[in-house]
C-alpha atoms as a PDB file:
ATOM      1  CA  MET A   1     277.012 111.444  27.386  1.00  0.00           C
ATOM      2  CA  THR A   2     277.390 107.906  26.050  1.00  0.00           C
ATOM      3  CA  GLN A   3     274.612 106.624  23.818  1.00  0.00           C
ATOM      4  CA  LEU A   4     274.098 103.117  22.489  1.00  0.00           C
ATOM      5  CA  TYR A   5     272.647 102.340  19.056  1.00  0.00           C
ATOM      6  CA  GLN A   6     272.382  99.105  17.155  1.00  0.00           C
ATOM      7  CA  SER A   7     271.546  97.972  13.663  1.00  0.00           C
ATOM      8  CA  LYS A   8     270.931  94.663  11.963  1.00  0.00           C
ATOM      9  CA  ILE A   9     273.517  93.013   9.708  1.00  0.00           C
ATOM     10  CA  PHE A  10     271.873  91.545   6.604  1.00  0.00           C
ATOM     11  CA  ALA A  11     272.904  88.335   4.835  1.00  0.00           C
ATOM     12  CA  ASN A  12     275.021  90.280   2.325  1.00  0.00           C
ATOM     13  CA  GLY A  13     276.906  92.015   5.174  1.00  0.00           C
ATOM     14  CA  SER A  14     275.254  95.392   4.709  1.00  0.00           C
ATOM     15  CA  THR A  15     273.778  97.443   7.526  1.00  0.00           C
ATOM     16  CA  THR A  16     272.211 100.859   8.018  1.00  0.00           C
ATOM     17  CA  LEU A  17     273.952 103.342  10.268  1.00  0.00           C
ATOM     18  CA  PRO A  18     271.307 104.753  12.612  1.00  0.00           C
ATOM     19  CA  LYS A  19     270.504 108.422  11.983  1.00  0.00           C
ATOM     20  CA  PRO A  20     272.133 109.643  15.232  1.00  0.00           C
ATOM     21  CA  VAL A  21     275.330 107.814  14.206  1.00  0.00           C
ATOM     22  CA  ARG A  22     275.236 109.353  10.711  1.00  0.00           C
ATOM     23  CA  ASP A  23     274.649 112.762  12.263  1.00  0.00           C
ATOM     24  CA  ALA A  24     277.534 112.317  14.734  1.00  0.00           C
ATOM     25  CA  LEU A  25     279.863 111.296  11.871  1.00  0.00           C
ATOM     26  CA  GLY A  26     278.577 114.045   9.592  1.00  0.00           C
ATOM     27  CA  VAL A  27     277.884 111.596   6.756  1.00  0.00           C
ATOM     28  CA  LYS A  28     275.125 111.527   4.190  1.00  0.00           C
ATOM     29  CA  ALA A  29     274.099 109.308   1.285  1.00  0.00           C
ATOM     30  CA  GLY A  30     277.046 108.721  -1.032  1.00  0.00           C
ATOM     31  CA  ASP A  31     279.725 109.428   1.599  1.00  0.00           C
ATOM     32  CA  SER A  32     282.195 106.748   2.634  1.00  0.00           C
ATOM     33  CA  VAL A  33     283.164 105.582   6.089  1.00  0.00           C
ATOM     34  CA  ARG A  34     286.266 103.761   7.269  1.00  0.00           C
ATOM     35  CA  TYR A  35     286.481 101.026   9.858  1.00  0.00           C
ATOM     36  CA  VAL A  36     289.554 100.927  12.077  1.00  0.00           C
ATOM     37  CA  ILE A  37     290.038  97.585  13.823  1.00  0.00           C
ATOM     38  CA  ALA A  38     292.231  97.784  16.923  1.00  0.00           C
ATOM     39  CA  GLU A  39     292.911  95.589  19.935  1.00  0.00           C
ATOM     40  CA  ASP A  40     290.314  97.439  22.012  1.00  0.00           C
ATOM     41  CA  GLY A  41     287.507  97.581  19.442  1.00  0.00           C
ATOM     42  CA  VAL A  42     286.413  99.020  16.124  1.00  0.00           C
ATOM     43  CA  GLN A  43     286.056 102.695  15.238  1.00  0.00           C
ATOM     44  CA  VAL A  44     283.907 104.090  12.452  1.00  0.00           C
ATOM     45  CA  LEU A  45     285.293 107.247  10.857  1.00  0.00           C
ATOM     46  CA  LYS A  46     284.101 109.509   8.090  1.00  0.00           C
ATOM     47  CA  LYS A  47     286.373 109.262   5.074  1.00  0.00           C
ATOM     48  CA  PRO A  48     287.540 112.755   4.064  1.00  0.00           C
ATOM     49  CA  SER A  49     285.928 113.957   0.861  1.00  0.00           C
ATOM     50  CA  GLU A  50     288.026 114.510  -2.242  1.00  0.00           C
ATOM     51  CA  LYS A  51     287.340 118.232  -1.819  1.00  0.00           C
ATOM     52  CA  ALA A  52     288.758 118.141   1.725  1.00  0.00           C
ATOM     53  CA  GLN A  53     291.759 116.176   0.498  1.00  0.00           C
ATOM     54  CA  ALA A  54     292.364 118.686  -2.307  1.00  0.00           C
ATOM     55  CA  ALA A  55     292.195 121.553   0.212  1.00  0.00           C
ATOM     56  CA  ASN A  56     294.876 119.856   2.320  1.00  0.00           C
ATOM     57  CA  PRO A  57     297.409 118.141   0.030  1.00  0.00           C
ATOM     58  CA  ALA A  58     299.171 116.497   3.002  1.00  0.00           C
ATOM     59  CA  LEU A  59     295.996 114.664   4.062  1.00  0.00           C
ATOM     60  CA  PRO A  60     296.087 111.786   1.522  1.00  0.00           C
ATOM     61  CA  GLU A  61     299.749 111.163   2.327  1.00  0.00           C
ATOM     62  CA  ALA A  62     299.029 111.119   6.066  1.00  0.00           C
ATOM     63  CA  VAL A  63     296.077 108.753   5.589  1.00  0.00           C
ATOM     64  CA  ASP A  64     298.189 106.436   3.420  1.00  0.00           C
ATOM     65  CA  ALA A  65     300.911 106.415   6.089  1.00  0.00           C
ATOM     66  CA  ALA A  66     298.363 105.649   8.819  1.00  0.00           C
ATOM     67  CA  GLU A  67     296.881 102.809   6.767  1.00  0.00           C
ATOM     68  CA  HIS A  68     300.371 101.396   6.239  1.00  0.00           C
ATOM     69  CA  VAL A  69     301.096 101.479   9.991  1.00  0.00           C
ATOM     70  CA  MET A  70     297.755  99.817  10.731  1.00  0.00           C
ATOM     71  CA  ASP A  71     298.445  97.100   8.166  1.00  0.00           C
ATOM     72  CA  ASP A  72     301.886  96.465   9.675  1.00  0.00           C
ATOM     73  CA  ASN A  73     300.464  96.309  13.192  1.00  0.00           C
ATOM     74  CA  SER A  74     297.625  93.990  12.243  1.00  0.00           C
ATOM     75  CA  THR A  75     300.176  91.593  10.751  1.00  0.00           C
ATOM     76  CA  LEU A  76     302.210  91.722  13.976  1.00  0.00           C
ATOM     77  CA  LEU A  77     299.101  91.127  16.069  1.00  0.00           C
ATOM     78  CA  ARG A  78     298.116  88.107  13.980  1.00  0.00           C
ATOM     79  CA  ASP A  79     301.643  86.710  14.416  1.00  0.00           C
ATOM     80  CA  LEU A  80     301.336  86.997  18.210  1.00  0.00           C
ATOM     81  CA  ASN A  81     298.187  84.871  18.317  1.00  0.00           C
END
């Protein structure tokens, strides 16, 4: 089921993630989220904790590689405009 939530953006750019969004992401105070900007929209993802990264040593490397690919693609997309 699709659900729609909204929140206000304050002058300093901050916002509050609505509780159902925090619950769906599994985040709590002090956690970090990542924003992935793509051609078809923006995704909000929970950033893996340092504990999760330590439990899976390949995870930081995979995330770094994904960030590199996204950076390369965003540059290409800007060049096309």
